[in-house]
Amino acid sequence: ARANLRLALAAKGRYTDAVAGVDRANLPQVLNNIGFVAMVLGDYESAEIFFNRANAESPVYYDTAQENLKRLQALVEQPADQRPTRTLGRSLVN
């Protein structure tokens, strides 16, 4: 339930609230998840920050966050008018 609440808060752009109270052991995963939500919503700047923080907070190499950074970079490299946009729970729209 907490994970879903955090995702819902992130989807509303309430990133600080979404991270509040996370214990250190779960922080990298939560940061990555929030970054993914931000990426899906087109908030690429925030997504990059959260993916990088997930990597920095992880005690080991965090391959999921690294892969998400690669996905994000591919999106950013596309011309703005060709980037797919998506809202949570809806299909991809060009």
N, C-alpha and C. Protein backbone atom coordinates (compact mmCIF):
# COMPACT_ATOMS: atom_id res chain seq x y z
N ALA A 1 0.83 -1.19 0.00
CA ALA A 1 0.00 0.00 0.00
C ALA A 1 0.88 1.26 0.00
N ARG A 2 1.96 1.22 0.77
CA ARG A 2 2.85 2.40 0.81
C ARG A 2 3.47 2.67 -0.55
N ALA A 3 3.88 1.60 -1.23
CA ALA A 3 4.49 1.77 -2.55
C ALA A 3 3.50 2.42 -3.51
N ASN A 4 2.26 1.99 -3.46
CA ASN A 4 1.24 2.58 -4.33
C ASN A 4 0.99 4.04 -3.98
N LEU A 5 0.97 4.35 -2.70
CA LEU A 5 0.78 5.74 -2.28
C LEU A 5 1.93 6.60 -2.79
N ARG A 6 3.14 6.09 -2.67
CA ARG A 6 4.31 6.83 -3.14
C ARG A 6 4.22 7.08 -4.64
N LEU A 7 3.79 6.09 -5.40
CA LEU A 7 3.65 6.26 -6.84
C LEU A 7 2.56 7.28 -7.17
N ALA A 8 1.46 7.24 -6.44
CA ALA A 8 0.37 8.20 -6.66
C ALA A 8 0.84 9.62 -6.36
N LEU A 9 1.58 9.78 -5.28
CA LEU A 9 2.11 11.11 -4.94
C LEU A 9 3.06 11.60 -6.03
N ALA A 10 3.92 10.71 -6.49
CA ALA A 10 4.86 11.08 -7.55
C ALA A 10 4.11 11.46 -8.83
N ALA A 11 3.05 10.74 -9.14
CA ALA A 11 2.27 11.03 -10.34
C ALA A 11 1.63 12.41 -10.27
N LYS A 12 1.43 12.90 -9.08
CA LYS A 12 0.88 14.25 -8.90
C LYS A 12 1.98 15.30 -8.79
N GLY A 13 3.24 14.86 -8.95
CA GLY A 13 4.36 15.79 -8.86
C GLY A 13 4.79 16.09 -7.44
N ARG A 14 4.28 15.36 -6.49
CA ARG A 14 4.61 15.58 -5.08
C ARG A 14 5.77 14.67 -4.69
N TYR A 15 6.90 14.91 -5.32
CA TYR A 15 8.07 14.05 -5.16
C TYR A 15 8.59 14.03 -3.72
N THR A 16 8.63 15.17 -3.09
CA THR A 16 9.13 15.23 -1.71
C THR A 16 8.27 14.38 -0.79
N ASP A 17 6.96 14.48 -0.96
CA ASP A 17 6.04 13.65 -0.15
C ASP A 17 6.21 12.17 -0.46
N ALA A 18 6.48 11.86 -1.71
CA ALA A 18 6.63 10.46 -2.12
C ALA A 18 7.86 9.81 -1.48
N VAL A 19 8.87 10.60 -1.18
CA VAL A 19 10.11 10.08 -0.59
C VAL A 19 10.07 10.12 0.93
N ALA A 20 9.20 10.91 1.49
CA ALA A 20 9.17 11.12 2.95
C ALA A 20 9.02 9.80 3.70
N GLY A 21 9.86 9.63 4.70
CA GLY A 21 9.77 8.50 5.60
C GLY A 21 10.32 7.19 5.08
N VAL A 22 10.98 7.20 3.94
CA VAL A 22 11.55 5.96 3.39
C VAL A 22 12.78 5.58 4.20
N ASP A 23 12.86 4.31 4.57
CA ASP A 23 14.06 3.86 5.29
C ASP A 23 15.20 3.69 4.28
N ARG A 24 16.39 3.79 4.78
CA ARG A 24 17.59 3.77 3.93
C ARG A 24 17.70 2.53 3.05
N ALA A 25 17.27 1.39 3.56
CA ALA A 25 17.37 0.15 2.80
C ALA A 25 16.50 0.18 1.54
N ASN A 26 15.37 0.85 1.60
CA ASN A 26 14.44 0.90 0.47
C ASN A 26 14.59 2.16 -0.38
N LEU A 27 15.45 3.08 0.05
CA LEU A 27 15.56 4.36 -0.63
C LEU A 27 15.93 4.24 -2.11
N PRO A 28 16.93 3.44 -2.49
CA PRO A 28 17.27 3.37 -3.92
C PRO A 28 16.09 2.93 -4.79
N GLN A 29 15.35 1.94 -4.36
CA GLN A 29 14.22 1.46 -5.14
C GLN A 29 13.12 2.52 -5.24
N VAL A 30 12.83 3.19 -4.13
CA VAL A 30 11.81 4.23 -4.14
C VAL A 30 12.23 5.38 -5.06
N LEU A 31 13.48 5.79 -4.98
CA LEU A 31 13.98 6.86 -5.85
C LEU A 31 13.88 6.47 -7.32
N ASN A 32 14.24 5.24 -7.63
CA ASN A 32 14.14 4.75 -9.00
C ASN A 32 12.69 4.75 -9.47
N ASN A 33 11.78 4.28 -8.64
CA ASN A 33 10.37 4.23 -9.01
C ASN A 33 9.80 5.62 -9.26
N ILE A 34 10.17 6.56 -8.40
CA ILE A 34 9.70 7.94 -8.58
C ILE A 34 10.29 8.52 -9.86
N GLY A 35 11.55 8.21 -10.13
CA GLY A 35 12.17 8.65 -11.36
C GLY A 35 11.46 8.10 -12.59
N PHE A 36 11.05 6.86 -12.51
CA PHE A 36 10.34 6.25 -13.63
C PHE A 36 9.01 6.95 -13.86
N VAL A 37 8.29 7.24 -12.79
CA VAL A 37 7.02 7.96 -12.92
C VAL A 37 7.26 9.32 -13.56
N ALA A 38 8.28 10.02 -13.09
CA ALA A 38 8.60 11.33 -13.66
C ALA A 38 8.93 11.21 -15.14
N MET A 39 9.67 10.18 -15.52
CA MET A 39 10.02 9.98 -16.92
C MET A 39 8.77 9.73 -17.76
N VAL A 40 7.90 8.88 -17.29
CA VAL A 40 6.67 8.56 -18.01
C VAL A 40 5.82 9.81 -18.21
N LEU A 41 5.84 10.68 -17.23
CA LEU A 41 5.04 11.90 -17.30
C LEU A 41 5.72 13.02 -18.08
N GLY A 42 6.96 12.77 -18.52
CA GLY A 42 7.66 13.77 -19.32
C GLY A 42 8.47 14.76 -18.51
N ASP A 43 8.60 14.54 -17.21
CA ASP A 43 9.41 15.40 -16.35
C ASP A 43 10.83 14.83 -16.35
N TYR A 44 11.52 15.03 -17.46
CA TYR A 44 12.82 14.40 -17.67
C TYR A 44 13.89 14.90 -16.72
N GLU A 45 13.84 16.16 -16.38
CA GLU A 45 14.83 16.72 -15.45
C GLU A 45 14.73 16.04 -14.08
N SER A 46 13.53 15.92 -13.57
CA SER A 46 13.34 15.26 -12.28
C SER A 46 13.69 13.79 -12.37
N ALA A 47 13.32 13.15 -13.46
CA ALA A 47 13.63 11.73 -13.64
C ALA A 47 15.12 11.49 -13.54
N GLU A 48 15.90 12.32 -14.21
CA GLU A 48 17.36 12.16 -14.17
C GLU A 48 17.89 12.32 -12.74
N ILE A 49 17.37 13.29 -12.04
CA ILE A 49 17.80 13.52 -10.65
C ILE A 49 17.49 12.29 -9.81
N PHE A 50 16.30 11.73 -9.93
CA PHE A 50 15.93 10.58 -9.11
C PHE A 50 16.71 9.33 -9.49
N PHE A 51 16.95 9.09 -10.78
CA PHE A 51 17.74 7.93 -11.18
C PHE A 51 19.17 8.05 -10.65
N ASN A 52 19.75 9.24 -10.76
CA ASN A 52 21.11 9.44 -10.25
C ASN A 52 21.16 9.29 -8.74
N ARG A 53 20.16 9.79 -8.04
CA ARG A 53 20.12 9.63 -6.58
C ARG A 53 19.96 8.15 -6.21
N ALA A 54 19.17 7.42 -6.97
CA ALA A 54 19.00 5.98 -6.72
C ALA A 54 20.33 5.28 -6.83
N ASN A 55 21.10 5.63 -7.86
CA ASN A 55 22.43 5.02 -8.03
C ASN A 55 23.36 5.42 -6.88
N ALA A 56 23.31 6.67 -6.49
CA ALA A 56 24.20 7.15 -5.42
C ALA A 56 23.86 6.52 -4.08
N GLU A 57 22.59 6.28 -3.83
CA GLU A 57 22.16 5.73 -2.53
C GLU A 57 22.29 4.21 -2.45
N SER A 58 22.41 3.56 -3.59
CA SER A 58 22.49 2.11 -3.60
C SER A 58 23.88 1.65 -3.15
N PRO A 59 23.93 0.68 -2.25
CA PRO A 59 25.24 0.19 -1.80
C PRO A 59 25.96 -0.66 -2.85
N VAL A 60 25.23 -1.09 -3.87
CA VAL A 60 25.81 -1.88 -4.96
C VAL A 60 25.37 -1.26 -6.29
N TYR A 61 25.96 -1.72 -7.37
CA TYR A 61 25.57 -1.25 -8.70
C TYR A 61 24.08 -1.51 -8.90
N TYR A 62 23.34 -0.48 -9.25
CA TYR A 62 21.89 -0.58 -9.40
C TYR A 62 21.55 -0.60 -10.89
N ASP A 63 21.50 -1.81 -11.46
CA ASP A 63 21.32 -1.94 -12.89
C ASP A 63 19.98 -1.40 -13.39
N THR A 64 18.94 -1.50 -12.60
CA THR A 64 17.63 -0.99 -13.03
C THR A 64 17.67 0.52 -13.21
N ALA A 65 18.23 1.22 -12.26
CA ALA A 65 18.34 2.68 -12.38
C ALA A 65 19.24 3.06 -13.55
N GLN A 66 20.31 2.30 -13.77
CA GLN A 66 21.20 2.57 -14.91
C GLN A 66 20.46 2.39 -16.23
N GLU A 67 19.66 1.33 -16.33
CA GLU A 67 18.88 1.09 -17.55
C GLU A 67 17.86 2.20 -17.75
N ASN A 68 17.25 2.65 -16.67
CA ASN A 68 16.29 3.74 -16.78
C ASN A 68 16.97 5.03 -17.22
N LEU A 69 18.19 5.28 -16.77
CA LEU A 69 18.94 6.44 -17.24
C LEU A 69 19.17 6.35 -18.75
N LYS A 70 19.47 5.15 -19.25
CA LYS A 70 19.66 4.96 -20.69
C LYS A 70 18.37 5.22 -21.45
N ARG A 71 17.24 4.73 -20.92
CA ARG A 71 15.94 4.99 -21.55
C ARG A 71 15.66 6.49 -21.59
N LEU A 72 15.94 7.13 -20.48
CA LEU A 72 15.71 8.57 -20.38
C LEU A 72 16.56 9.31 -21.40
N GLN A 73 17.83 8.96 -21.51
CA GLN A 73 18.72 9.62 -22.47
C GLN A 73 18.21 9.45 -23.89
N ALA A 74 17.70 8.27 -24.22
CA ALA A 74 17.16 8.04 -25.56
C ALA A 74 15.95 8.94 -25.81
N LEU A 75 15.12 9.14 -24.80
CA LEU A 75 13.97 10.03 -24.94
C LEU A 75 14.41 11.47 -25.13
N VAL A 76 15.36 11.89 -24.33
CA VAL A 76 15.83 13.28 -24.37
C VAL A 76 16.47 13.59 -25.72
N GLU A 77 17.11 12.62 -26.32
CA GLU A 77 17.79 12.83 -27.60
C GLU A 77 16.83 12.97 -28.77
N GLN A 78 15.58 12.56 -28.59
CA GLN A 78 14.59 12.71 -29.64
C GLN A 78 14.14 14.17 -29.72
N PRO A 79 13.80 14.64 -30.92
CA PRO A 79 13.23 15.98 -31.01
C PRO A 79 11.97 16.06 -30.15
N ALA A 80 11.76 17.20 -29.53
CA ALA A 80 10.65 17.35 -28.57
C ALA A 80 9.31 16.99 -29.19
N ASP A 81 9.09 17.32 -30.43
CA ASP A 81 7.79 17.04 -31.04
C ASP A 81 7.62 15.57 -31.42
N GLN A 82 8.67 14.78 -31.31
CA GLN A 82 8.60 13.36 -31.63
C GLN A 82 8.66 12.47 -30.39
N ARG A 83 8.79 13.07 -29.23
CA ARG A 83 8.85 12.28 -28.00
C ARG A 83 7.47 11.72 -27.67
N PRO A 84 7.42 10.44 -27.36
CA PRO A 84 6.13 9.89 -26.94
C PRO A 84 5.77 10.45 -25.57
N THR A 85 4.52 10.72 -25.37
CA THR A 85 4.05 11.15 -24.06
C THR A 85 3.06 10.13 -23.55
N ARG A 86 2.93 10.08 -22.26
CA ARG A 86 2.06 9.07 -21.68
C ARG A 86 1.54 9.58 -20.36
N THR A 87 0.34 9.24 -20.07
CA THR A 87 -0.18 9.47 -18.74
C THR A 87 -0.30 8.12 -18.08
N LEU A 88 -0.15 8.07 -16.80
CA LEU A 88 -0.22 6.79 -16.11
C LEU A 88 -1.58 6.15 -16.34
N GLY A 89 -1.55 4.87 -16.68
CA GLY A 89 -2.79 4.14 -16.88
C GLY A 89 -3.37 4.29 -18.28
N ARG A 90 -2.68 5.02 -19.14
CA ARG A 90 -3.17 5.22 -20.51
C ARG A 90 -2.10 4.78 -21.49
N SER A 91 -2.52 4.55 -22.70
CA SER A 91 -1.58 4.07 -23.70
C SER A 91 -0.67 5.20 -24.20
N LEU A 92 0.35 4.79 -24.89
CA LEU A 92 1.34 5.72 -25.45
C LEU A 92 0.68 6.57 -26.51
N VAL A 93 0.97 7.86 -26.49
CA VAL A 93 0.41 8.81 -27.45
C VAL A 93 1.55 9.59 -28.08
N ASN A 94 1.55 9.74 -29.38
CA ASN A 94 2.55 10.57 -30.06
C ASN A 94 1.95 11.91 -30.39
